[in-house]
Amino acid sequence: MNAVLGIDIGKAKFHVTLRCPDGTCRRKACANSATGIADLGAWLQRHAAGPVHAGMEATGTYGEALATALHEAGHRVSMLNPAIIAHYAKSRLARAKTDRVDGDLIAEYTAKERPPAWTPLPRDVRELQALVRRLDALIGMQTDERNRAQAGELTAPVRASIDAVLVHLADQIRQVRQQIADHMDQHPDLRAQRDLLVSIPGIGEATAALLIAELFHKAFASARQAAAFAGVVPRVQESGDHKGRRVMSKLGSGRLRKALYFPAIAALRFNPSLQPLGHRLRDAGKPPMLVIGAAMRKLIHIAFGVLKSGRAYDATLAKA
């Protein structure tokens, strides 16, 4: 039985608890940097007899470099849903929440449950994902500045500052969009996936890049699994005044749902596979957001189909 490493990841530091097969524990704190990661690697070589099973919460980008380094060093790495660890802590009646306690708790959970192994994305997908997320952040900043520009009376210096920032953001957005296009053109697999996805009415190049970076790099067994990951599958409420009401689960990626909102609206107008779906739901009196959610789910099903088959969109095969 391998030793288990519980990792509590933070922006500046990470704290680890090493549980050895004999039940003893060792703890260490390292800077969340290349130097700190190298320090942890040397520490594990001294105190762990062979590869460890490392468990860490999936907390955005803070832990990606550490997880990748551990994987490349031959260790088994598991990315854990933070909600699972929070519920596990409650089940253990844990009263304290400190970096050391969290590391111990993650190590205990990993040793007990033996969660599945994580593998890093291929480098070309990681680079695409970084570009797509940067573009999303820039567009968010652009929206914020535009909102400020419309927020009542502004002094001349403030107006000039906002205008200058908007010009700069527009230029950066153009550059990153071009970098995304160039990156996909340079990688045949990414280019082939993009070309298949943009054949679907309602999905443009920006949406295709995001779907590849955030969704379809995963090995889903079915289109429903992909839709569930995006959080667009229906969930039935069976309690209170809303018993029997079907709502979107929203348990998956908010970034994906945000990106699919306007493509779904366009697809309801122009995609022959979604037009009948939209008419049927509206005629049944369904609210607009439920119709859009159903269209988002259908788009993912169609996208899954064209990528799995390697064939461009065909309206006769993608029936509503």
C-alpha atoms as a PDB file:
ATOM      1  CA  MET A   1       0.000   0.000   0.000  1.00  0.00           C
ATOM      2  CA  ASN A   2       1.434   3.357  -1.056  1.00  0.00           C
ATOM      3  CA  ALA A   3       1.762   6.351   1.204  1.00  0.00           C
ATOM      4  CA  VAL A   4      -0.909   9.024   0.833  1.00  0.00           C
ATOM      5  CA  LEU A   5      -0.284  12.740   0.470  1.00  0.00           C
ATOM      6  CA  GLY A   6      -3.032  15.210   1.398  1.00  0.00           C
ATOM      7  CA  ILE A   7      -2.487  18.647  -0.114  1.00  0.00           C
ATOM      8  CA  ASP A   8      -4.233  21.828   0.983  1.00  0.00           C
ATOM      9  CA  ILE A   9      -3.512  24.234  -1.842  1.00  0.00           C
ATOM     10  CA  GLY A  10      -3.391  28.012  -1.532  1.00  0.00           C
ATOM     11  CA  LYS A  11      -2.362  30.926  -3.699  1.00  0.00           C
ATOM     12  CA  ALA A  12       0.939  31.559  -1.912  1.00  0.00           C
ATOM     13  CA  LYS A  13       1.571  28.260  -0.104  1.00  0.00           C
ATOM     14  CA  PHE A  14       0.447  24.663   0.032  1.00  0.00           C
ATOM     15  CA  HIS A  15       0.423  22.450   3.126  1.00  0.00           C
ATOM     16  CA  VAL A  16       0.873  18.696   2.861  1.00  0.00           C
ATOM     17  CA  THR A  17       0.294  15.739   5.151  1.00  0.00           C
ATOM     18  CA  LEU A  18       2.109  12.504   4.316  1.00  0.00           C
ATOM     19  CA  ARG A  19       0.381   9.415   5.752  1.00  0.00           C
ATOM     20  CA  CYS A  20       2.769   6.467   5.707  1.00  0.00           C
ATOM     21  CA  PRO A  21       1.560   2.844   5.557  1.00  0.00           C
ATOM     22  CA  ASP A  22       2.577   2.362   9.216  1.00  0.00           C
ATOM     23  CA  GLY A  23       0.122   5.101  10.267  1.00  0.00           C
ATOM     24  CA  THR A  24       2.687   7.808  10.999  1.00  0.00           C
ATOM     25  CA  CYS A  25       2.255  11.296   9.557  1.00  0.00           C
ATOM     26  CA  ARG A  26       4.654  13.984   8.428  1.00  0.00           C
ATOM     27  CA  ARG A  27       3.679  17.525   7.553  1.00  0.00           C
ATOM     28  CA  LYS A  28       5.289  20.271   5.509  1.00  0.00           C
ATOM     29  CA  ALA A  29       4.499  23.703   4.076  1.00  0.00           C
ATOM     30  CA  CYS A  30       5.960  24.886   0.776  1.00  0.00           C
ATOM     31  CA  ALA A  31       5.743  28.011  -1.353  1.00  0.00           C
ATOM     32  CA  ASN A  32       3.363  27.588  -4.272  1.00  0.00           C
ATOM     33  CA  SER A  33       6.121  28.179  -6.798  1.00  0.00           C
ATOM     34  CA  ALA A  34       8.602  26.198  -8.875  1.00  0.00           C
ATOM     35  CA  THR A  35      11.048  26.296  -5.963  1.00  0.00           C
ATOM     36  CA  GLY A  36       8.430  25.053  -3.495  1.00  0.00           C
ATOM     37  CA  ILE A  37       7.356  22.249  -5.824  1.00  0.00           C
ATOM     38  CA  ALA A  38      10.973  21.129  -6.217  1.00  0.00           C
ATOM     39  CA  ASP A  39      11.370  21.280  -2.431  1.00  0.00           C
ATOM     40  CA  LEU A  40       8.354  18.994  -2.008  1.00  0.00           C
ATOM     41  CA  GLY A  41       9.766  16.541  -4.545  1.00  0.00           C
ATOM     42  CA  ALA A  42      13.048  16.273  -2.637  1.00  0.00           C
ATOM     43  CA  TRP A  43      11.160  15.908   0.664  1.00  0.00           C
ATOM     44  CA  LEU A  44       9.063  13.047  -0.745  1.00  0.00           C
ATOM     45  CA  GLN A  45      12.183  11.263  -1.934  1.00  0.00           C
ATOM     46  CA  ARG A  46      13.512  11.336   1.615  1.00  0.00           C
ATOM     47  CA  HIS A  47      10.347  10.346   3.463  1.00  0.00           C
ATOM     48  CA  ALA A  48       8.183   8.277   1.072  1.00  0.00           C
ATOM     49  CA  ALA A  49       9.291   4.801   0.039  1.00  0.00           C
ATOM     50  CA  GLY A  50       8.150   5.027  -3.574  1.00  0.00           C
ATOM     51  CA  PRO A  51       5.308   6.806  -5.379  1.00  0.00           C
ATOM     52  CA  VAL A  52       2.512   8.305  -3.285  1.00  0.00           C
ATOM     53  CA  HIS A  53      -1.189   8.784  -3.903  1.00  0.00           C
ATOM     54  CA  ALA A  54      -1.687  12.561  -3.706  1.00  0.00           C
ATOM     55  CA  GLY A  55      -5.122  14.051  -3.142  1.00  0.00           C
ATOM     56  CA  MET A  56      -5.838  17.741  -3.641  1.00  0.00           C
ATOM     57  CA  GLU A  57      -8.883  19.908  -4.128  1.00  0.00           C
ATOM     58  CA  ALA A  58      -9.628  21.157  -7.633  1.00  0.00           C
ATOM     59  CA  THR A  59      -9.290  24.892  -6.973  1.00  0.00           C
ATOM     60  CA  GLY A  60      -8.761  26.471 -10.371  1.00  0.00           C
ATOM     61  CA  THR A  61      -5.235  27.198 -11.541  1.00  0.00           C
ATOM     62  CA  TYR A  62      -3.487  27.354  -8.149  1.00  0.00           C
ATOM     63  CA  GLY A  63      -2.706  23.651  -8.052  1.00  0.00           C
ATOM     64  CA  GLU A  64      -2.194  22.792 -11.715  1.00  0.00           C
ATOM     65  CA  ALA A  65       1.599  23.178 -11.735  1.00  0.00           C
ATOM     66  CA  LEU A  66       1.965  21.068  -8.577  1.00  0.00           C
ATOM     67  CA  ALA A  67      -0.396  18.372  -9.829  1.00  0.00           C
ATOM     68  CA  THR A  68       1.416  18.190 -13.175  1.00  0.00           C
ATOM     69  CA  ALA A  69       4.830  17.967 -11.495  1.00  0.00           C
ATOM     70  CA  LEU A  70       3.669  15.142  -9.197  1.00  0.00           C
ATOM     71  CA  HIS A  71       2.164  13.255 -12.123  1.00  0.00           C
ATOM     72  CA  GLU A  72       5.349  13.612 -14.190  1.00  0.00           C
ATOM     73  CA  ALA A  73       7.376  12.361 -11.194  1.00  0.00           C
ATOM     74  CA  GLY A  74       5.398   9.104 -11.230  1.00  0.00           C
ATOM     75  CA  HIS A  75       2.983   9.795  -8.376  1.00  0.00           C
ATOM     76  CA  ARG A  76      -0.759   9.109  -8.566  1.00  0.00           C
ATOM     77  CA  VAL A  77      -2.736  12.337  -8.349  1.00  0.00           C
ATOM     78  CA  SER A  78      -6.453  12.728  -7.604  1.00  0.00           C
ATOM     79  CA  MET A  79      -8.313  16.009  -8.060  1.00  0.00           C
ATOM     80  CA  LEU A  80     -11.100  16.232  -5.488  1.00  0.00           C
ATOM     81  CA  ASN A  81     -14.285  18.264  -5.601  1.00  0.00           C
ATOM     82  CA  PRO A  82     -14.034  20.793  -2.726  1.00  0.00           C
ATOM     83  CA  ALA A  83     -17.700  20.141  -1.878  1.00  0.00           C
ATOM     84  CA  ILE A  84     -16.901  16.470  -1.242  1.00  0.00           C
ATOM     85  CA  ILE A  85     -14.135  17.382   1.197  1.00  0.00           C
ATOM     86  CA  ALA A  86     -16.414  19.917   2.929  1.00  0.00           C
ATOM     87  CA  HIS A  87     -19.126  17.281   3.412  1.00  0.00           C
ATOM     88  CA  TYR A  88     -16.535  14.739   4.533  1.00  0.00           C
ATOM     89  CA  ALA A  89     -15.323  17.221   7.167  1.00  0.00           C
ATOM     90  CA  LYS A  90     -18.899  17.625   8.413  1.00  0.00           C
ATOM     91  CA  SER A  91     -19.337  13.855   8.589  1.00  0.00           C
ATOM     92  CA  ARG A  92     -16.199  13.717  10.752  1.00  0.00           C
ATOM     93  CA  LEU A  93     -17.596  16.523  12.977  1.00  0.00           C
ATOM     94  CA  ALA A  94     -14.479  18.572  12.305  1.00  0.00           C
ATOM     95  CA  ARG A  95     -14.733  21.821  14.255  1.00  0.00           C
ATOM     96  CA  ALA A  96     -11.466  23.459  13.255  1.00  0.00           C
ATOM     97  CA  LYS A  97     -10.471  24.575   9.775  1.00  0.00           C
ATOM     98  CA  THR A  98      -6.766  25.276   9.387  1.00  0.00           C
ATOM     99  CA  ASP A  99      -4.259  24.483   6.669  1.00  0.00           C
ATOM    100  CA  ARG A 100      -2.866  21.622   8.757  1.00  0.00           C
ATOM    101  CA  VAL A 101      -6.303  20.196   9.547  1.00  0.00           C
ATOM    102  CA  ASP A 102      -7.338  20.427   5.890  1.00  0.00           C
ATOM    103  CA  GLY A 103      -4.197  18.598   4.772  1.00  0.00           C
ATOM    104  CA  ASP A 104      -4.852  15.845   7.320  1.00  0.00           C
ATOM    105  CA  LEU A 105      -8.480  15.593   6.230  1.00  0.00           C
ATOM    106  CA  ILE A 106      -7.651  15.334   2.531  1.00  0.00           C
ATOM    107  CA  ALA A 107      -5.032  12.678   3.275  1.00  0.00           C
ATOM    108  CA  GLU A 108      -7.542  10.719   5.352  1.00  0.00           C
ATOM    109  CA  TYR A 109     -10.199  10.926   2.637  1.00  0.00           C
ATOM    110  CA  THR A 110      -7.734   9.904  -0.084  1.00  0.00           C
ATOM    111  CA  ALA A 111      -6.513   6.920   1.949  1.00  0.00           C
ATOM    112  CA  LYS A 112     -10.062   5.783   2.677  1.00  0.00           C
ATOM    113  CA  GLU A 113     -11.797   6.356  -0.668  1.00  0.00           C
ATOM    114  CA  ARG A 114      -8.908   5.881  -3.116  1.00  0.00           C
ATOM    115  CA  PRO A 115     -10.363   8.374  -5.653  1.00  0.00           C
ATOM    116  CA  PRO A 116      -9.599   7.946  -9.363  1.00  0.00           C
ATOM    117  CA  ALA A 117      -6.361   9.171 -10.862  1.00  0.00           C
ATOM    118  CA  TRP A 118      -6.092  12.497 -12.673  1.00  0.00           C
ATOM    119  CA  THR A 119      -3.966  13.055 -15.739  1.00  0.00           C
ATOM    120  CA  PRO A 120      -2.881  16.460 -17.069  1.00  0.00           C
ATOM    121  CA  LEU A 121      -4.211  17.776 -20.341  1.00  0.00           C
ATOM    122  CA  PRO A 122      -1.990  17.527 -23.422  1.00  0.00           C
ATOM    123  CA  ARG A 123       0.172  20.606 -23.787  1.00  0.00           C
ATOM    124  CA  ASP A 124      -1.665  21.883 -26.885  1.00  0.00           C
ATOM    125  CA  VAL A 125      -5.000  21.742 -25.034  1.00  0.00           C
ATOM    126  CA  ARG A 126      -3.512  23.392 -21.912  1.00  0.00           C
ATOM    127  CA  GLU A 127      -2.220  26.248 -24.052  1.00  0.00           C
ATOM    128  CA  LEU A 128      -5.592  26.592 -25.795  1.00  0.00           C
ATOM    129  CA  GLN A 129      -7.388  26.581 -22.445  1.00  0.00           C
ATOM    130  CA  ALA A 130      -5.107  29.323 -21.122  1.00  0.00           C
ATOM    131  CA  LEU A 131      -5.793  31.480 -24.180  1.00  0.00           C
ATOM    132  CA  VAL A 132      -9.555  30.893 -24.027  1.00  0.00           C
ATOM    133  CA  ARG A 133      -9.666  31.815 -20.339  1.00  0.00           C
ATOM    134  CA  ARG A 134      -7.559  34.909 -20.958  1.00  0.00           C
ATOM    135  CA  LEU A 135      -9.981  35.994 -23.682  1.00  0.00           C
ATOM    136  CA  ASP A 136     -12.913  35.480 -21.311  1.00  0.00           C
ATOM    137  CA  ALA A 137     -11.185  37.603 -18.658  1.00  0.00           C
ATOM    138  CA  LEU A 138     -10.449  40.404 -21.147  1.00  0.00           C
ATOM    139  CA  ILE A 139     -14.050  40.459 -22.368  1.00  0.00           C
ATOM    140  CA  GLY A 140     -15.198  40.648 -18.754  1.00  0.00           C
ATOM    141  CA  MET A 141     -12.913  43.640 -18.144  1.00  0.00           C
ATOM    142  CA  GLN A 142     -14.214  45.276 -21.316  1.00  0.00           C
ATOM    143  CA  THR A 143     -17.806  44.848 -20.125  1.00  0.00           C
ATOM    144  CA  ASP A 144     -16.929  46.373 -16.749  1.00  0.00           C
ATOM    145  CA  GLU A 145     -15.347  49.424 -18.374  1.00  0.00           C
ATOM    146  CA  ARG A 146     -18.293  49.889 -20.739  1.00  0.00           C
ATOM    147  CA  ASN A 147     -20.635  49.776 -17.757  1.00  0.00           C
ATOM    148  CA  ARG A 148     -18.546  52.423 -16.006  1.00  0.00           C
ATOM    149  CA  ALA A 149     -18.714  54.597 -19.110  1.00  0.00           C
ATOM    150  CA  GLN A 150     -22.516  54.507 -18.913  1.00  0.00           C
ATOM    151  CA  ALA A 151     -22.757  55.101 -15.166  1.00  0.00           C
ATOM    152  CA  GLY A 152     -23.947  58.708 -15.161  1.00  0.00           C
ATOM    153  CA  GLU A 153     -21.903  61.894 -15.391  1.00  0.00           C
ATOM    154  CA  LEU A 154     -18.134  61.454 -15.688  1.00  0.00           C
ATOM    155  CA  THR A 155     -15.407  64.037 -15.442  1.00  0.00           C
ATOM    156  CA  ALA A 156     -13.289  64.554 -18.523  1.00  0.00           C
ATOM    157  CA  PRO A 157     -10.178  62.849 -17.064  1.00  0.00           C
ATOM    158  CA  VAL A 158     -12.210  59.799 -15.986  1.00  0.00           C
ATOM    159  CA  ARG A 159     -13.884  59.570 -19.412  1.00  0.00           C
ATOM    160  CA  ALA A 160     -10.485  59.799 -21.116  1.00  0.00           C
ATOM    161  CA  SER A 161      -9.085  57.085 -18.852  1.00  0.00           C
ATOM    162  CA  ILE A 162     -11.973  54.731 -19.563  1.00  0.00           C
ATOM    163  CA  ASP A 163     -11.725  55.355 -23.319  1.00  0.00           C
ATOM    164  CA  ALA A 164      -7.986  54.618 -23.252  1.00  0.00           C
ATOM    165  CA  VAL A 165      -8.523  51.390 -21.336  1.00  0.00           C
ATOM    166  CA  LEU A 166     -11.266  50.320 -23.768  1.00  0.00           C
ATOM    167  CA  VAL A 167      -8.965  50.932 -26.741  1.00  0.00           C
ATOM    168  CA  HIS A 168      -6.240  48.850 -25.088  1.00  0.00           C
ATOM    169  CA  LEU A 169      -8.668  46.051 -24.184  1.00  0.00           C
ATOM    170  CA  ALA A 170     -10.069  45.940 -27.718  1.00  0.00           C
ATOM    171  CA  ASP A 171      -6.543  45.574 -29.081  1.00  0.00           C
ATOM    172  CA  GLN A 172      -5.722  42.799 -26.580  1.00  0.00           C
ATOM    173  CA  ILE A 173      -8.953  40.962 -27.412  1.00  0.00           C
ATOM    174  CA  ARG A 174      -8.112  41.056 -31.123  1.00  0.00           C
ATOM    175  CA  GLN A 175      -4.616  39.748 -30.414  1.00  0.00           C
ATOM    176  CA  VAL A 176      -5.767  36.867 -28.195  1.00  0.00           C
ATOM    177  CA  ARG A 177      -8.486  35.876 -30.678  1.00  0.00           C
ATOM    178  CA  GLN A 178      -5.839  35.743 -33.384  1.00  0.00           C
ATOM    179  CA  GLN A 179      -3.543  33.711 -31.106  1.00  0.00           C
ATOM    180  CA  ILE A 180      -6.372  31.210 -30.511  1.00  0.00           C
ATOM    181  CA  ALA A 181      -6.983  30.871 -34.252  1.00  0.00           C
ATOM    182  CA  ASP A 182      -3.265  30.495 -34.983  1.00  0.00           C
ATOM    183  CA  HIS A 183      -2.799  27.956 -32.192  1.00  0.00           C
ATOM    184  CA  MET A 184      -5.608  25.765 -33.509  1.00  0.00           C
ATOM    185  CA  ASP A 185      -4.340  26.053 -37.078  1.00  0.00           C
ATOM    186  CA  GLN A 186      -0.920  24.834 -35.927  1.00  0.00           C
ATOM    187  CA  HIS A 187      -2.297  21.671 -34.287  1.00  0.00           C
ATOM    188  CA  PRO A 188      -4.076  19.305 -36.697  1.00  0.00           C
ATOM    189  CA  ASP A 189      -6.230  17.616 -34.048  1.00  0.00           C
ATOM    190  CA  LEU A 190      -7.494  20.919 -32.678  1.00  0.00           C
ATOM    191  CA  ARG A 191      -8.052  22.267 -36.175  1.00  0.00           C
ATOM    192  CA  ALA A 192     -10.060  19.182 -37.177  1.00  0.00           C
ATOM    193  CA  GLN A 193     -12.239  19.439 -34.050  1.00  0.00           C
ATOM    194  CA  ARG A 194     -12.854  23.134 -34.646  1.00  0.00           C
ATOM    195  CA  ASP A 195     -13.852  22.541 -38.270  1.00  0.00           C
ATOM    196  CA  LEU A 196     -16.347  19.878 -37.217  1.00  0.00           C
ATOM    197  CA  LEU A 197     -17.886  22.069 -34.522  1.00  0.00           C
ATOM    198  CA  VAL A 198     -18.283  25.196 -36.665  1.00  0.00           C
ATOM    199  CA  SER A 199     -20.258  23.109 -39.166  1.00  0.00           C
ATOM    200  CA  ILE A 200     -23.091  23.161 -36.592  1.00  0.00           C
ATOM    201  CA  PRO A 201     -25.426  26.171 -37.102  1.00  0.00           C
ATOM    202  CA  GLY A 202     -25.179  28.315 -33.976  1.00  0.00           C
ATOM    203  CA  ILE A 203     -21.559  27.448 -33.113  1.00  0.00           C
ATOM    204  CA  GLY A 204     -18.869  29.854 -34.256  1.00  0.00           C
ATOM    205  CA  GLU A 205     -15.107  29.708 -33.899  1.00  0.00           C
ATOM    206  CA  ALA A 206     -15.038  31.302 -30.425  1.00  0.00           C
ATOM    207  CA  THR A 207     -17.585  28.840 -29.039  1.00  0.00           C
ATOM    208  CA  ALA A 208     -15.827  25.932 -30.752  1.00  0.00           C
ATOM    209  CA  ALA A 209     -12.506  26.874 -29.140  1.00  0.00           C
ATOM    210  CA  LEU A 210     -14.109  27.092 -25.708  1.00  0.00           C
ATOM    211  CA  LEU A 211     -15.915  23.755 -26.108  1.00  0.00           C
ATOM    212  CA  ILE A 212     -12.652  22.045 -27.070  1.00  0.00           C
ATOM    213  CA  ALA A 213     -10.699  23.690 -24.249  1.00  0.00           C
ATOM    214  CA  GLU A 214     -13.256  23.290 -21.467  1.00  0.00           C
ATOM    215  CA  LEU A 215     -15.426  20.293 -22.391  1.00  0.00           C
ATOM    216  CA  PHE A 216     -14.409  17.964 -25.186  1.00  0.00           C
ATOM    217  CA  HIS A 217     -10.851  17.305 -24.006  1.00  0.00           C
ATOM    218  CA  LYS A 218     -12.496  14.871 -21.561  1.00  0.00           C
ATOM    219  CA  ALA A 219     -13.273  11.263 -22.488  1.00  0.00           C
ATOM    220  CA  PHE A 220     -17.039  11.264 -22.039  1.00  0.00           C
ATOM    221  CA  ALA A 221     -18.794   7.948 -22.634  1.00  0.00           C
ATOM    222  CA  SER A 222     -21.981   9.659 -23.792  1.00  0.00           C
ATOM    223  CA  ALA A 223     -23.410  13.011 -24.804  1.00  0.00           C
ATOM    224  CA  ARG A 224     -25.450  13.036 -21.603  1.00  0.00           C
ATOM    225  CA  GLN A 225     -22.251  12.867 -19.554  1.00  0.00           C
ATOM    226  CA  ALA A 226     -20.896  15.865 -21.466  1.00  0.00           C
ATOM    227  CA  ALA A 227     -24.142  17.793 -20.884  1.00  0.00           C
ATOM    228  CA  ALA A 228     -24.076  16.885 -17.185  1.00  0.00           C
ATOM    229  CA  PHE A 229     -20.503  18.195 -16.897  1.00  0.00           C
ATOM    230  CA  ALA A 230     -21.694  21.481 -18.375  1.00  0.00           C
ATOM    231  CA  GLY A 231     -24.587  21.565 -15.894  1.00  0.00           C
ATOM    232  CA  VAL A 232     -27.361  21.740 -18.501  1.00  0.00           C
ATOM    233  CA  VAL A 233     -29.218  18.520 -17.697  1.00  0.00           C
ATOM    234  CA  PRO A 234     -32.639  18.914 -16.040  1.00  0.00           C
ATOM    235  CA  ARG A 235     -33.129  18.327 -12.348  1.00  0.00           C
ATOM    236  CA  VAL A 236     -36.553  17.550 -10.910  1.00  0.00           C
ATOM    237  CA  GLN A 237     -37.588  19.240  -7.657  1.00  0.00           C
ATOM    238  CA  GLU A 238     -39.657  16.957  -5.446  1.00  0.00           C
ATOM    239  CA  SER A 239     -40.150  19.129  -2.384  1.00  0.00           C
ATOM    240  CA  GLY A 240     -42.122  22.178  -1.266  1.00  0.00           C
ATOM    241  CA  ASP A 241     -44.366  24.264  -3.479  1.00  0.00           C
ATOM    242  CA  HIS A 242     -42.282  23.533  -6.579  1.00  0.00           C
ATOM    243  CA  LYS A 243     -42.753  19.760  -6.530  1.00  0.00           C
ATOM    244  CA  GLY A 244     -42.338  18.250  -9.983  1.00  0.00           C
ATOM    245  CA  ARG A 245     -40.741  21.364 -11.450  1.00  0.00           C
ATOM    246  CA  ARG A 246     -37.807  20.716 -13.808  1.00  0.00           C
ATOM    247  CA  VAL A 247     -34.882  23.124 -13.515  1.00  0.00           C
ATOM    248  CA  MET A 248     -31.335  23.229 -14.910  1.00  0.00           C
ATOM    249  CA  SER A 249     -28.958  21.443 -12.547  1.00  0.00           C
ATOM    250  CA  LYS A 250     -26.166  24.100 -12.813  1.00  0.00           C
ATOM    251  CA  LEU A 251     -23.796  21.646 -11.129  1.00  0.00           C
ATOM    252  CA  GLY A 252     -21.193  21.862 -13.856  1.00  0.00           C
ATOM    253  CA  SER A 253     -19.090  24.557 -15.478  1.00  0.00           C
ATOM    254  CA  GLY A 254     -20.585  28.041 -15.332  1.00  0.00           C
ATOM    255  CA  ARG A 255     -18.082  29.121 -17.987  1.00  0.00           C
ATOM    256  CA  LEU A 256     -19.596  26.619 -20.437  1.00  0.00           C
ATOM    257  CA  ARG A 257     -23.194  27.669 -19.737  1.00  0.00           C
ATOM    258  CA  LYS A 258     -22.280  31.326 -20.198  1.00  0.00           C
ATOM    259  CA  ALA A 259     -20.555  30.567 -23.507  1.00  0.00           C
ATOM    260  CA  LEU A 260     -23.481  28.498 -24.821  1.00  0.00           C
ATOM    261  CA  TYR A 261     -26.223  31.021 -24.007  1.00  0.00           C
ATOM    262  CA  PHE A 262     -26.122  33.136 -27.175  1.00  0.00           C
ATOM    263  CA  PRO A 263     -25.204  30.201 -29.489  1.00  0.00           C
ATOM    264  CA  ALA A 264     -28.309  28.419 -28.173  1.00  0.00           C
ATOM    265  CA  ILE A 265     -30.478  31.452 -28.984  1.00  0.00           C
ATOM    266  CA  ALA A 266     -28.992  31.604 -32.493  1.00  0.00           C
ATOM    267  CA  ALA A 267     -29.443  27.857 -32.982  1.00  0.00           C
ATOM    268  CA  LEU A 268     -33.121  28.064 -32.018  1.00  0.00           C
ATOM    269  CA  ARG A 269     -33.550  30.491 -34.928  1.00  0.00           C
ATOM    270  CA  PHE A 270     -31.288  29.005 -37.571  1.00  0.00           C
ATOM    271  CA  ASN A 271     -30.446  25.366 -36.735  1.00  0.00           C
ATOM    272  CA  PRO A 272     -32.980  22.988 -38.355  1.00  0.00           C
ATOM    273  CA  SER A 273     -32.336  20.449 -35.596  1.00  0.00           C
ATOM    274  CA  LEU A 274     -33.324  22.877 -32.850  1.00  0.00           C
ATOM    275  CA  GLN A 275     -36.148  24.825 -34.483  1.00  0.00           C
ATOM    276  CA  PRO A 276     -38.744  22.057 -33.908  1.00  0.00           C
ATOM    277  CA  LEU A 277     -37.540  21.659 -30.305  1.00  0.00           C
ATOM    278  CA  GLY A 278     -38.033  25.364 -29.659  1.00  0.00           C
ATOM    279  CA  HIS A 279     -41.510  25.402 -31.240  1.00  0.00           C
ATOM    280  CA  ARG A 280     -42.599  22.330 -29.274  1.00  0.00           C
ATOM    281  CA  LEU A 281     -41.470  23.693 -25.917  1.00  0.00           C
ATOM    282  CA  ARG A 282     -42.922  27.162 -26.507  1.00  0.00           C
ATOM    283  CA  ASP A 283     -46.249  25.680 -27.616  1.00  0.00           C
ATOM    284  CA  ALA A 284     -46.261  23.693 -24.371  1.00  0.00           C
ATOM    285  CA  GLY A 285     -45.984  26.955 -22.440  1.00  0.00           C
ATOM    286  CA  LYS A 286     -42.420  26.425 -21.219  1.00  0.00           C
ATOM    287  CA  PRO A 287     -40.601  29.531 -19.951  1.00  0.00           C
ATOM    288  CA  PRO A 288     -37.893  31.087 -22.172  1.00  0.00           C
ATOM    289  CA  MET A 289     -34.974  30.053 -19.953  1.00  0.00           C
ATOM    290  CA  LEU A 290     -36.087  26.414 -20.001  1.00  0.00           C
ATOM    291  CA  VAL A 291     -36.248  26.557 -23.807  1.00  0.00           C
ATOM    292  CA  ILE A 292     -32.741  28.051 -23.985  1.00  0.00           C
ATOM    293  CA  GLY A 293     -31.447  25.441 -21.517  1.00  0.00           C
ATOM    294  CA  ALA A 294     -32.882  22.653 -23.648  1.00  0.00           C
ATOM    295  CA  ALA A 295     -31.214  24.185 -26.709  1.00  0.00           C
ATOM    296  CA  MET A 296     -27.873  24.350 -24.902  1.00  0.00           C
ATOM    297  CA  ARG A 297     -28.210  20.680 -23.999  1.00  0.00           C
ATOM    298  CA  LYS A 298     -29.136  19.758 -27.586  1.00  0.00           C
ATOM    299  CA  LEU A 299     -26.155  21.667 -28.957  1.00  0.00           C
ATOM    300  CA  ILE A 300     -23.823  19.675 -26.716  1.00  0.00           C
ATOM    301  CA  HIS A 301     -25.437  16.417 -27.882  1.00  0.00           C
ATOM    302  CA  ILE A 302     -24.959  17.422 -31.529  1.00  0.00           C
ATOM    303  CA  ALA A 303     -21.372  18.570 -30.887  1.00  0.00           C
ATOM    304  CA  PHE A 304     -20.595  15.269 -29.158  1.00  0.00           C
ATOM    305  CA  GLY A 305     -22.024  13.407 -32.155  1.00  0.00           C
ATOM    306  CA  VAL A 306     -20.017  15.205 -34.819  1.00  0.00           C
ATOM    307  CA  LEU A 307     -16.771  14.856 -32.854  1.00  0.00           C
ATOM    308  CA  LYS A 308     -17.340  11.175 -32.112  1.00  0.00           C
ATOM    309  CA  SER A 309     -18.281  10.338 -35.711  1.00  0.00           C
ATOM    310  CA  GLY A 310     -15.718  12.627 -37.333  1.00  0.00           C
ATOM    311  CA  ARG A 311     -18.436  13.817 -39.722  1.00  0.00           C
ATOM    312  CA  ALA A 312     -19.636  17.385 -40.194  1.00  0.00           C
ATOM    313  CA  TYR A 313     -23.103  18.392 -39.065  1.00  0.00           C
ATOM    314  CA  ASP A 314     -25.959  16.745 -40.975  1.00  0.00           C
ATOM    315  CA  ALA A 315     -29.472  17.940 -40.161  1.00  0.00           C
ATOM    316  CA  THR A 316     -30.951  14.607 -41.220  1.00  0.00           C
ATOM    317  CA  LEU A 317     -28.923  12.802 -38.521  1.00  0.00           C
ATOM    318  CA  ALA A 318     -29.336  15.354 -35.712  1.00  0.00           C
ATOM    319  CA  LYS A 319     -33.077  15.122 -35.190  1.00  0.00           C
ATOM    320  CA  ALA A 320     -34.756  17.082 -32.399  1.00  0.00           C
END
